[in-house]
Amino acid sequence: MLPELDPQVLSMALAALWETSDDSSAVFFDCFYDALARGFTVGASLTYAQQEISREPHGFELPVDWAPFVLIGNPDTTLTGEPPQAPLRTSHGGQTIWIRGG
């Protein structure tokens, strides 16, 4: 467990299994938050973002750009309210984790 994460406040997290580029991550999260804002569940938003980023014209069709993102938490969760402008991003042991408190 990461020492700076309080399990009492953490409702879910998206983690990258390997280092990703800032460009592909930005497109991924734009698509992810777009899906959340449209009422998709977190799991469906993850799938949507992975599919969207792998299509042209983004230029990130290789799995190295869209496959590293995994959800830790309940994929059937639907979020309410406005998504953050940018997720909290932290690194631990060479892995990057995006966090949304709940």
N, C-alpha and C. Protein backbone atom coordinates (compact mmCIF):
# COMPACT_ATOMS: atom_id res chain seq x y z
N MET A 1 0.83 -1.18 0.00
CA MET A 1 0.00 0.00 0.00
C MET A 1 0.88 1.24 0.00
N LEU A 2 0.49 2.22 -0.75
CA LEU A 2 1.23 3.47 -0.79
C LEU A 2 1.00 4.24 0.50
N PRO A 3 2.05 4.72 1.13
CA PRO A 3 1.88 5.36 2.43
C PRO A 3 1.04 6.63 2.39
N GLU A 4 1.04 7.37 1.28
CA GLU A 4 0.32 8.64 1.23
C GLU A 4 -1.16 8.47 0.89
N LEU A 5 -1.63 7.25 0.66
CA LEU A 5 -3.03 7.02 0.32
C LEU A 5 -3.79 6.53 1.54
N ASP A 6 -4.84 7.23 1.88
CA ASP A 6 -5.66 6.85 3.02
C ASP A 6 -6.83 6.01 2.52
N PRO A 7 -6.92 4.73 2.88
CA PRO A 7 -8.00 3.88 2.39
C PRO A 7 -9.37 4.34 2.84
N GLN A 8 -9.43 5.22 3.84
CA GLN A 8 -10.72 5.75 4.29
C GLN A 8 -11.29 6.77 3.30
N VAL A 9 -10.44 7.40 2.49
CA VAL A 9 -10.90 8.40 1.53
C VAL A 9 -10.81 7.91 0.09
N LEU A 10 -10.00 6.96 -0.16
CA LEU A 10 -9.81 6.48 -1.52
C LEU A 10 -10.97 5.56 -1.92
N SER A 11 -11.68 5.95 -2.96
CA SER A 11 -12.79 5.13 -3.41
C SER A 11 -12.40 4.27 -4.60
N MET A 12 -11.49 4.77 -5.41
CA MET A 12 -11.00 4.00 -6.56
C MET A 12 -9.78 4.70 -7.12
N ALA A 13 -9.05 3.97 -7.93
CA ALA A 13 -7.86 4.53 -8.55
C ALA A 13 -7.67 3.90 -9.93
N LEU A 14 -7.09 4.67 -10.82
CA LEU A 14 -6.62 4.15 -12.09
C LEU A 14 -5.12 4.11 -12.01
N ALA A 15 -4.55 2.98 -12.33
CA ALA A 15 -3.10 2.84 -12.28
C ALA A 15 -2.58 2.51 -13.67
N ALA A 16 -1.39 2.95 -13.95
CA ALA A 16 -0.71 2.59 -15.19
C ALA A 16 0.32 1.53 -14.85
N LEU A 17 0.27 0.42 -15.55
CA LEU A 17 1.18 -0.69 -15.28
C LEU A 17 2.59 -0.41 -15.76
N TRP A 18 2.74 0.56 -16.64
CA TRP A 18 4.06 0.99 -17.07
C TRP A 18 4.00 2.47 -17.39
N GLU A 19 5.16 3.07 -17.55
CA GLU A 19 5.24 4.50 -17.83
C GLU A 19 4.55 4.81 -19.15
N THR A 20 3.77 5.88 -19.15
CA THR A 20 3.06 6.29 -20.36
C THR A 20 3.51 7.69 -20.75
N SER A 21 3.29 8.02 -22.00
CA SER A 21 3.65 9.37 -22.44
C SER A 21 2.60 10.36 -21.96
N ASP A 22 3.01 11.60 -21.75
CA ASP A 22 2.07 12.63 -21.35
C ASP A 22 1.00 12.85 -22.42
N ASP A 23 1.40 12.76 -23.68
CA ASP A 23 0.46 12.99 -24.78
C ASP A 23 -0.64 11.94 -24.81
N SER A 24 -0.27 10.67 -24.74
CA SER A 24 -1.29 9.61 -24.78
C SER A 24 -2.12 9.62 -23.51
N SER A 25 -1.52 9.93 -22.36
CA SER A 25 -2.27 9.98 -21.10
C SER A 25 -3.30 11.12 -21.13
N ALA A 26 -2.93 12.24 -21.71
CA ALA A 26 -3.86 13.38 -21.79
C ALA A 26 -5.07 13.01 -22.64
N VAL A 27 -4.84 12.37 -23.78
CA VAL A 27 -5.96 11.95 -24.64
C VAL A 27 -6.80 10.90 -23.92
N PHE A 28 -6.13 9.95 -23.27
CA PHE A 28 -6.85 8.91 -22.53
C PHE A 28 -7.79 9.53 -21.50
N PHE A 29 -7.26 10.45 -20.67
CA PHE A 29 -8.09 11.01 -19.61
C PHE A 29 -9.16 11.95 -20.15
N ASP A 30 -8.92 12.63 -21.26
CA ASP A 30 -9.98 13.41 -21.89
C ASP A 30 -11.14 12.49 -22.26
N CYS A 31 -10.84 11.36 -22.87
CA CYS A 31 -11.88 10.39 -23.27
C CYS A 31 -12.54 9.78 -22.04
N PHE A 32 -11.75 9.43 -21.03
CA PHE A 32 -12.27 8.82 -19.81
C PHE A 32 -13.25 9.76 -19.11
N TYR A 33 -12.84 11.02 -18.91
CA TYR A 33 -13.72 11.97 -18.23
C TYR A 33 -14.93 12.34 -19.07
N ASP A 34 -14.79 12.34 -20.39
CA ASP A 34 -15.92 12.58 -21.27
C ASP A 34 -16.98 11.50 -21.06
N ALA A 35 -16.55 10.25 -20.99
CA ALA A 35 -17.48 9.14 -20.77
C ALA A 35 -18.13 9.23 -19.39
N LEU A 36 -17.35 9.59 -18.37
CA LEU A 36 -17.92 9.75 -17.03
C LEU A 36 -18.98 10.83 -17.01
N ALA A 37 -18.69 11.95 -17.68
CA ALA A 37 -19.63 13.07 -17.72
C ALA A 37 -20.92 12.70 -18.45
N ARG A 38 -20.84 11.73 -19.35
CA ARG A 38 -22.02 11.28 -20.09
C ARG A 38 -22.79 10.19 -19.34
N GLY A 39 -22.32 9.85 -18.13
CA GLY A 39 -23.06 8.91 -17.29
C GLY A 39 -22.60 7.47 -17.38
N PHE A 40 -21.51 7.19 -18.09
CA PHE A 40 -20.98 5.83 -18.15
C PHE A 40 -20.48 5.43 -16.76
N THR A 41 -20.48 4.14 -16.47
CA THR A 41 -19.85 3.65 -15.25
C THR A 41 -18.34 3.83 -15.39
N VAL A 42 -17.62 3.69 -14.28
CA VAL A 42 -16.17 3.83 -14.32
C VAL A 42 -15.56 2.76 -15.23
N GLY A 43 -16.04 1.52 -15.12
CA GLY A 43 -15.51 0.44 -15.96
C GLY A 43 -15.78 0.68 -17.44
N ALA A 44 -17.00 1.11 -17.77
CA ALA A 44 -17.33 1.41 -19.16
C ALA A 44 -16.54 2.61 -19.67
N SER A 45 -16.28 3.57 -18.80
CA SER A 45 -15.48 4.74 -19.19
C SER A 45 -14.05 4.33 -19.51
N LEU A 46 -13.50 3.41 -18.73
CA LEU A 46 -12.16 2.89 -18.99
C LEU A 46 -12.12 2.21 -20.36
N THR A 47 -13.08 1.35 -20.62
CA THR A 47 -13.14 0.65 -21.91
C THR A 47 -13.31 1.64 -23.05
N TYR A 48 -14.20 2.60 -22.88
CA TYR A 48 -14.44 3.62 -23.90
C TYR A 48 -13.15 4.38 -24.21
N ALA A 49 -12.45 4.83 -23.17
CA ALA A 49 -11.22 5.60 -23.35
C ALA A 49 -10.16 4.76 -24.06
N GLN A 50 -10.04 3.49 -23.69
CA GLN A 50 -9.05 2.63 -24.34
C GLN A 50 -9.38 2.44 -25.82
N GLN A 51 -10.66 2.28 -26.13
CA GLN A 51 -11.05 2.11 -27.53
C GLN A 51 -10.85 3.41 -28.32
N GLU A 52 -11.23 4.52 -27.74
CA GLU A 52 -11.12 5.80 -28.43
C GLU A 52 -9.67 6.19 -28.70
N ILE A 53 -8.81 6.00 -27.72
CA ILE A 53 -7.41 6.41 -27.89
C ILE A 53 -6.71 5.56 -28.94
N SER A 54 -7.17 4.33 -29.12
CA SER A 54 -6.51 3.44 -30.08
C SER A 54 -6.92 3.71 -31.52
N ARG A 55 -7.89 4.58 -31.71
CA ARG A 55 -8.36 4.91 -33.06
C ARG A 55 -7.68 6.17 -33.58
N GLU A 56 -7.60 6.25 -34.87
CA GLU A 56 -7.14 7.49 -35.49
C GLU A 56 -8.15 8.59 -35.20
N PRO A 57 -7.82 9.83 -35.15
CA PRO A 57 -6.57 10.46 -35.54
C PRO A 57 -5.57 10.64 -34.40
N HIS A 58 -5.81 10.00 -33.26
CA HIS A 58 -4.94 10.21 -32.10
C HIS A 58 -3.52 9.71 -32.33
N GLY A 59 -3.37 8.64 -33.10
CA GLY A 59 -2.04 8.11 -33.36
C GLY A 59 -1.49 7.25 -32.23
N PHE A 60 -2.36 6.77 -31.35
CA PHE A 60 -1.93 5.95 -30.22
C PHE A 60 -2.54 4.56 -30.32
N GLU A 61 -2.44 3.97 -31.49
CA GLU A 61 -3.08 2.67 -31.72
C GLU A 61 -2.31 1.49 -31.11
N LEU A 62 -1.07 1.69 -30.73
CA LEU A 62 -0.29 0.60 -30.12
C LEU A 62 -0.70 0.40 -28.66
N PRO A 63 -0.79 -0.85 -28.23
CA PRO A 63 -1.19 -1.13 -26.85
C PRO A 63 -0.33 -0.44 -25.79
N VAL A 64 0.90 -0.13 -26.11
CA VAL A 64 1.76 0.54 -25.13
C VAL A 64 1.14 1.88 -24.70
N ASP A 65 0.30 2.47 -25.55
CA ASP A 65 -0.31 3.76 -25.24
C ASP A 65 -1.64 3.66 -24.51
N TRP A 66 -2.41 2.60 -24.74
CA TRP A 66 -3.75 2.54 -24.16
C TRP A 66 -3.97 1.37 -23.20
N ALA A 67 -3.14 0.36 -23.24
CA ALA A 67 -3.37 -0.84 -22.43
C ALA A 67 -2.88 -0.77 -20.98
N PRO A 68 -2.00 0.15 -20.59
CA PRO A 68 -1.47 0.08 -19.23
C PRO A 68 -2.46 0.47 -18.14
N PHE A 69 -3.57 1.10 -18.50
CA PHE A 69 -4.48 1.62 -17.48
C PHE A 69 -5.39 0.53 -16.93
N VAL A 70 -5.39 0.40 -15.61
CA VAL A 70 -6.25 -0.58 -14.94
C VAL A 70 -7.00 0.12 -13.81
N LEU A 71 -8.20 -0.35 -13.56
CA LEU A 71 -9.04 0.20 -12.51
C LEU A 71 -8.88 -0.62 -11.24
N ILE A 72 -8.72 0.07 -10.13
CA ILE A 72 -8.72 -0.56 -8.82
C ILE A 72 -9.96 -0.02 -8.13
N GLY A 73 -10.95 -0.85 -7.98
CA GLY A 73 -12.22 -0.42 -7.41
C GLY A 73 -13.38 -1.07 -8.14
N ASN A 74 -14.58 -0.65 -7.83
CA ASN A 74 -15.78 -1.22 -8.40
C ASN A 74 -16.04 -0.65 -9.80
N PRO A 75 -16.00 -1.47 -10.85
CA PRO A 75 -16.19 -0.96 -12.20
C PRO A 75 -17.62 -0.52 -12.48
N ASP A 76 -18.57 -0.91 -11.65
CA ASP A 76 -19.97 -0.54 -11.86
C ASP A 76 -20.35 0.78 -11.22
N THR A 77 -19.38 1.46 -10.62
CA THR A 77 -19.63 2.74 -9.97
C THR A 77 -19.92 3.81 -11.01
N THR A 78 -20.92 4.63 -10.72
CA THR A 78 -21.21 5.82 -11.53
C THR A 78 -20.89 7.02 -10.66
N LEU A 79 -20.10 7.94 -11.17
CA LEU A 79 -19.71 9.11 -10.40
C LEU A 79 -20.68 10.24 -10.65
N THR A 80 -20.88 11.06 -9.64
CA THR A 80 -21.74 12.23 -9.78
C THR A 80 -20.91 13.48 -9.59
N GLY A 81 -21.43 14.58 -10.06
CA GLY A 81 -20.70 15.84 -9.95
C GLY A 81 -19.72 16.00 -11.09
N GLU A 82 -18.99 17.08 -11.06
CA GLU A 82 -18.02 17.39 -12.10
C GLU A 82 -16.73 16.62 -11.88
N PRO A 83 -16.18 16.01 -12.93
CA PRO A 83 -14.87 15.37 -12.77
C PRO A 83 -13.81 16.44 -12.57
N PRO A 84 -12.72 16.09 -11.90
CA PRO A 84 -11.66 17.07 -11.68
C PRO A 84 -11.02 17.48 -12.99
N GLN A 85 -10.43 18.68 -12.99
CA GLN A 85 -9.71 19.14 -14.17
C GLN A 85 -8.58 18.19 -14.52
N ALA A 86 -7.90 17.72 -13.51
CA ALA A 86 -6.81 16.75 -13.71
C ALA A 86 -6.78 15.84 -12.50
N PRO A 87 -6.57 14.56 -12.69
CA PRO A 87 -6.49 13.67 -11.54
C PRO A 87 -5.20 13.88 -10.77
N LEU A 88 -5.22 13.52 -9.51
CA LEU A 88 -4.00 13.52 -8.72
C LEU A 88 -3.11 12.41 -9.27
N ARG A 89 -1.88 12.74 -9.53
CA ARG A 89 -0.96 11.76 -10.13
C ARG A 89 0.21 11.58 -9.18
N THR A 90 0.52 10.35 -8.86
CA THR A 90 1.64 10.06 -7.98
C THR A 90 2.41 8.87 -8.54
N SER A 91 3.65 8.76 -8.22
CA SER A 91 4.47 7.64 -8.68
C SER A 91 4.93 6.84 -7.48
N HIS A 92 5.00 5.54 -7.68
CA HIS A 92 5.45 4.65 -6.62
C HIS A 92 6.11 3.44 -7.27
N GLY A 93 7.35 3.24 -7.00
CA GLY A 93 8.04 2.07 -7.53
C GLY A 93 8.04 1.98 -9.04
N GLY A 94 8.12 3.14 -9.72
CA GLY A 94 8.15 3.14 -11.17
C GLY A 94 6.77 3.08 -11.81
N GLN A 95 5.72 3.00 -11.01
CA GLN A 95 4.35 2.97 -11.54
C GLN A 95 3.68 4.29 -11.27
N THR A 96 2.87 4.74 -12.20
CA THR A 96 2.11 5.96 -12.01
C THR A 96 0.68 5.59 -11.69
N ILE A 97 0.12 6.29 -10.71
CA ILE A 97 -1.24 6.00 -10.29
C ILE A 97 -2.03 7.31 -10.32
N TRP A 98 -3.21 7.28 -10.94
CA TRP A 98 -4.11 8.42 -10.94
C TRP A 98 -5.17 8.13 -9.91
N ILE A 99 -5.48 9.09 -9.09
CA ILE A 99 -6.32 8.85 -7.94
C ILE A 99 -7.51 9.81 -7.95
N ARG A 100 -8.66 9.27 -7.61
CA ARG A 100 -9.84 10.10 -7.38
C ARG A 100 -10.36 9.75 -6.02
N GLY A 101 -10.42 10.72 -5.13
CA GLY A 101 -10.94 10.49 -3.78
C GLY A 101 -12.45 10.40 -3.81
N GLY A 102 -13.03 9.86 -2.79
CA GLY A 102 -14.46 9.74 -2.76
C GLY A 102 -14.98 9.94 -1.42
